[in-house]
């Protein structure tokens, strides 16, 4: 299955517990292969997902539904 990678800037300040909770919730969504906050940056969320089951719009909606707000970062 083809996978895509998105980077999202989370607008809220998040502590370690909140980041872990968000990653756990996202990784339980169908189509998300993995999610993490890289390099200790509390705002930069990386998500790997399967194109057949998920999209960037679905990701932003899911993050909003979980109580946070994000913006897509330009890759490259």
Protein backbone atom coordinates (compact mmCIF):
# COMPACT_ATOMS: atom_id res chain seq x y z
CA UNK A 1 0.00 0.00 0.00
CA UNK A 2 1.44 3.40 -0.92
CA UNK A 3 2.25 5.55 2.06
CA UNK A 4 2.51 9.31 2.31
CA UNK A 5 4.16 11.50 4.91
CA UNK A 6 2.72 14.75 6.20
CA UNK A 7 4.15 17.25 8.62
CA UNK A 8 1.69 19.27 10.65
CA UNK A 9 2.38 22.31 12.79
CA UNK A 10 0.27 22.00 15.94
CA UNK A 11 -0.79 25.47 17.03
CA UNK A 12 -1.22 24.73 20.72
CA UNK A 13 1.62 24.37 23.21
CA UNK A 14 1.60 20.73 24.31
CA UNK A 15 3.34 18.95 27.15
CA UNK A 16 4.78 15.44 26.87
CA UNK A 17 1.57 13.82 28.11
CA UNK A 18 -0.61 15.66 25.58
CA UNK A 19 1.77 14.81 22.73
CA UNK A 20 1.75 11.14 23.71
CA UNK A 21 -2.04 11.11 23.94
CA UNK A 22 -2.44 12.72 20.50
CA UNK A 23 0.03 10.27 18.90
CA UNK A 24 -1.77 7.31 20.50
CA UNK A 25 -5.18 8.52 19.28
CA UNK A 26 -3.90 9.15 15.75
CA UNK A 27 -2.19 5.75 15.53
CA UNK A 28 -5.52 4.08 16.33
CA UNK A 29 -7.13 5.70 13.27
CA UNK A 30 -7.53 3.42 10.26
CA UNK A 31 -4.98 4.35 7.63
CA UNK A 32 -2.41 5.96 9.91
CA UNK A 33 0.77 3.94 9.97
CA UNK A 34 2.66 6.02 12.52
CA UNK A 35 2.83 9.45 14.13
CA UNK A 36 5.47 11.21 16.22
CA UNK A 37 6.84 14.55 17.32
CA UNK A 38 10.39 14.70 15.96
CA UNK A 39 13.44 16.28 17.48
CA UNK A 40 11.79 17.48 20.67
CA UNK A 41 9.70 20.04 18.78
CA UNK A 42 6.31 20.17 20.52
CA UNK A 43 4.67 21.70 17.45
CA UNK A 44 6.02 19.56 14.57
CA UNK A 45 3.98 16.38 14.15
CA UNK A 46 4.97 13.87 11.47
CA UNK A 47 2.35 11.40 10.26
CA UNK A 48 2.74 8.45 7.88
CA UNK A 49 -0.57 7.35 6.39
CA UNK A 50 -2.03 5.13 3.66
CA UNK A 51 -3.52 7.15 0.83
CA UNK A 52 -6.36 4.68 0.31
CA UNK A 53 -7.70 5.25 3.82
CA UNK A 54 -6.68 8.75 4.84
CA UNK A 55 -5.96 12.21 3.45
CA UNK A 56 -4.42 15.46 4.64
CA UNK A 57 -7.90 16.94 5.11
CA UNK A 58 -9.03 13.95 7.14
CA UNK A 59 -5.91 14.32 9.27
CA UNK A 60 -6.55 17.99 10.03
CA UNK A 61 -10.20 17.23 10.82
CA UNK A 62 -9.20 14.38 13.13
CA UNK A 63 -6.70 16.59 14.98
CA UNK A 64 -9.40 19.24 15.39
CA UNK A 65 -11.90 16.64 16.65
CA UNK A 66 -9.31 15.64 19.28
CA UNK A 67 -9.16 19.22 20.55
CA UNK A 68 -6.12 20.64 18.78
CA UNK A 69 -5.50 22.70 15.66
CA UNK A 70 -2.89 22.14 12.99
CA UNK A 71 -1.60 23.52 9.74
CA UNK A 72 0.17 21.53 7.04
CA UNK A 73 3.86 22.30 6.65
CA UNK A 74 5.41 22.48 3.20
CA UNK A 75 7.64 19.47 2.57
CA UNK A 76 11.05 19.87 1.05
